[in-house]
Amino acid sequence: KGGGRPLNEIWKHFERFPTETPGKFRACCNFCLLELKCAEIVALEEHLANHCPNAPGLILREYMQK
């Protein structure tokens, strides 16, 4: 991996996949395997806090507080 900004902690809960647009990614939730086409941090946090049926309670609480 090259230089640049370090990945946000939320990425430990998602798999990253490149898109045709350089610097943009799709994400797949490690808990429910839902693919999110818009892999922005806010969308990933919202998924874990409000939409993921399989996220552990500790993870839910962490992202519901944000």
C-alpha atoms as a PDB file:
ATOM      1  CA  LYS A   1       0.000   0.000   0.000  1.00  0.00           C
ATOM      2  CA  GLY A   2       1.259   3.448  -0.873  1.00  0.00           C
ATOM      3  CA  GLY A   3       1.132   6.673   1.058  1.00  0.00           C
ATOM      4  CA  GLY A   4      -1.926   8.778   1.678  1.00  0.00           C
ATOM      5  CA  ARG A   5      -4.517   9.037   4.373  1.00  0.00           C
ATOM      6  CA  PRO A   6      -4.859   5.982   6.654  1.00  0.00           C
ATOM      7  CA  LEU A   7      -8.086   4.005   6.329  1.00  0.00           C
ATOM      8  CA  ASN A   8     -10.922   4.806   8.707  1.00  0.00           C
ATOM      9  CA  GLU A   9     -11.469   2.203  11.455  1.00  0.00           C
ATOM     10  CA  ILE A  10     -14.862   1.302   9.951  1.00  0.00           C
ATOM     11  CA  TRP A  11     -13.112  -0.499   7.108  1.00  0.00           C
ATOM     12  CA  LYS A  12     -12.263  -3.385   9.467  1.00  0.00           C
ATOM     13  CA  HIS A  13     -15.974  -4.311   9.175  1.00  0.00           C
ATOM     14  CA  PHE A  14     -16.093  -4.135   5.357  1.00  0.00           C
ATOM     15  CA  GLU A  15     -14.269  -5.604   2.372  1.00  0.00           C
ATOM     16  CA  ARG A  16     -13.157  -2.985  -0.178  1.00  0.00           C
ATOM     17  CA  PHE A  17     -13.543  -3.417  -3.928  1.00  0.00           C
ATOM     18  CA  PRO A  18     -12.318  -0.913  -6.528  1.00  0.00           C
ATOM     19  CA  THR A  19     -14.694   0.712  -9.004  1.00  0.00           C
ATOM     20  CA  GLU A  20     -14.080   2.070 -12.488  1.00  0.00           C
ATOM     21  CA  THR A  21     -13.565   5.506 -10.906  1.00  0.00           C
ATOM     22  CA  PRO A  22     -10.040   5.876  -9.488  1.00  0.00           C
ATOM     23  CA  GLY A  23     -10.051   6.399  -5.727  1.00  0.00           C
ATOM     24  CA  LYS A  24     -13.662   5.204  -5.310  1.00  0.00           C
ATOM     25  CA  PHE A  25     -14.645   1.882  -3.762  1.00  0.00           C
ATOM     26  CA  ARG A  26     -17.583  -0.436  -3.261  1.00  0.00           C
ATOM     27  CA  ALA A  27     -17.922  -2.100   0.120  1.00  0.00           C
ATOM     28  CA  CYS A  28     -19.220  -5.471   1.262  1.00  0.00           C
ATOM     29  CA  CYS A  29     -20.333  -5.793   4.883  1.00  0.00           C
ATOM     30  CA  ASN A  30     -18.455  -8.545   6.729  1.00  0.00           C
ATOM     31  CA  PHE A  31     -21.538  -9.301   8.851  1.00  0.00           C
ATOM     32  CA  CYS A  32     -24.443  -9.505   6.363  1.00  0.00           C
ATOM     33  CA  LEU A  33     -22.551  -9.494   3.025  1.00  0.00           C
ATOM     34  CA  LEU A  34     -24.611  -6.588   1.671  1.00  0.00           C
ATOM     35  CA  GLU A  35     -22.776  -4.699  -1.048  1.00  0.00           C
ATOM     36  CA  LEU A  36     -22.814  -0.917  -0.768  1.00  0.00           C
ATOM     37  CA  LYS A  37     -22.040   0.837  -4.026  1.00  0.00           C
ATOM     38  CA  CYS A  38     -21.424   4.186  -2.336  1.00  0.00           C
ATOM     39  CA  ALA A  39     -18.649   3.333   0.105  1.00  0.00           C
ATOM     40  CA  GLU A  40     -18.498   6.652   1.927  1.00  0.00           C
ATOM     41  CA  ILE A  41     -17.732   6.535   5.659  1.00  0.00           C
ATOM     42  CA  VAL A  42     -21.118   7.997   6.654  1.00  0.00           C
ATOM     43  CA  ALA A  43     -22.965   5.382   4.567  1.00  0.00           C
ATOM     44  CA  LEU A  44     -20.919   2.559   6.110  1.00  0.00           C
ATOM     45  CA  GLU A  45     -21.571   3.837   9.642  1.00  0.00           C
ATOM     46  CA  GLU A  46     -25.289   4.194   8.918  1.00  0.00           C
ATOM     47  CA  HIS A  47     -25.439   0.659   7.557  1.00  0.00           C
ATOM     48  CA  LEU A  48     -23.894  -0.808  10.714  1.00  0.00           C
ATOM     49  CA  ALA A  49     -25.961   1.354  13.078  1.00  0.00           C
ATOM     50  CA  ASN A  50     -29.362   1.065  11.400  1.00  0.00           C
ATOM     51  CA  HIS A  51     -29.561  -1.579   8.691  1.00  0.00           C
ATOM     52  CA  CYS A  52     -27.241  -4.533   9.294  1.00  0.00           C
ATOM     53  CA  PRO A  53     -29.227  -7.437  10.768  1.00  0.00           C
ATOM     54  CA  ASN A  54     -26.109  -9.401  11.761  1.00  0.00           C
ATOM     55  CA  ALA A  55     -23.845  -6.775  13.348  1.00  0.00           C
ATOM     56  CA  PRO A  56     -22.918  -7.653  16.954  1.00  0.00           C
ATOM     57  CA  GLY A  57     -24.407  -5.467  19.700  1.00  0.00           C
ATOM     58  CA  LEU A  58     -21.058  -3.901  20.565  1.00  0.00           C
ATOM     59  CA  ILE A  59     -20.613  -2.750  16.970  1.00  0.00           C
ATOM     60  CA  LEU A  60     -24.195  -1.421  16.830  1.00  0.00           C
ATOM     61  CA  ARG A  61     -23.663   0.640  19.971  1.00  0.00           C
ATOM     62  CA  GLU A  62     -20.354   2.014  18.726  1.00  0.00           C
ATOM     63  CA  TYR A  63     -21.862   3.392  15.520  1.00  0.00           C
ATOM     64  CA  MET A  64     -25.269   4.385  16.922  1.00  0.00           C
ATOM     65  CA  GLN A  65     -23.472   6.856  19.206  1.00  0.00           C
ATOM     66  CA  LYS A  66     -21.886   8.703  16.266  1.00  0.00           C
END
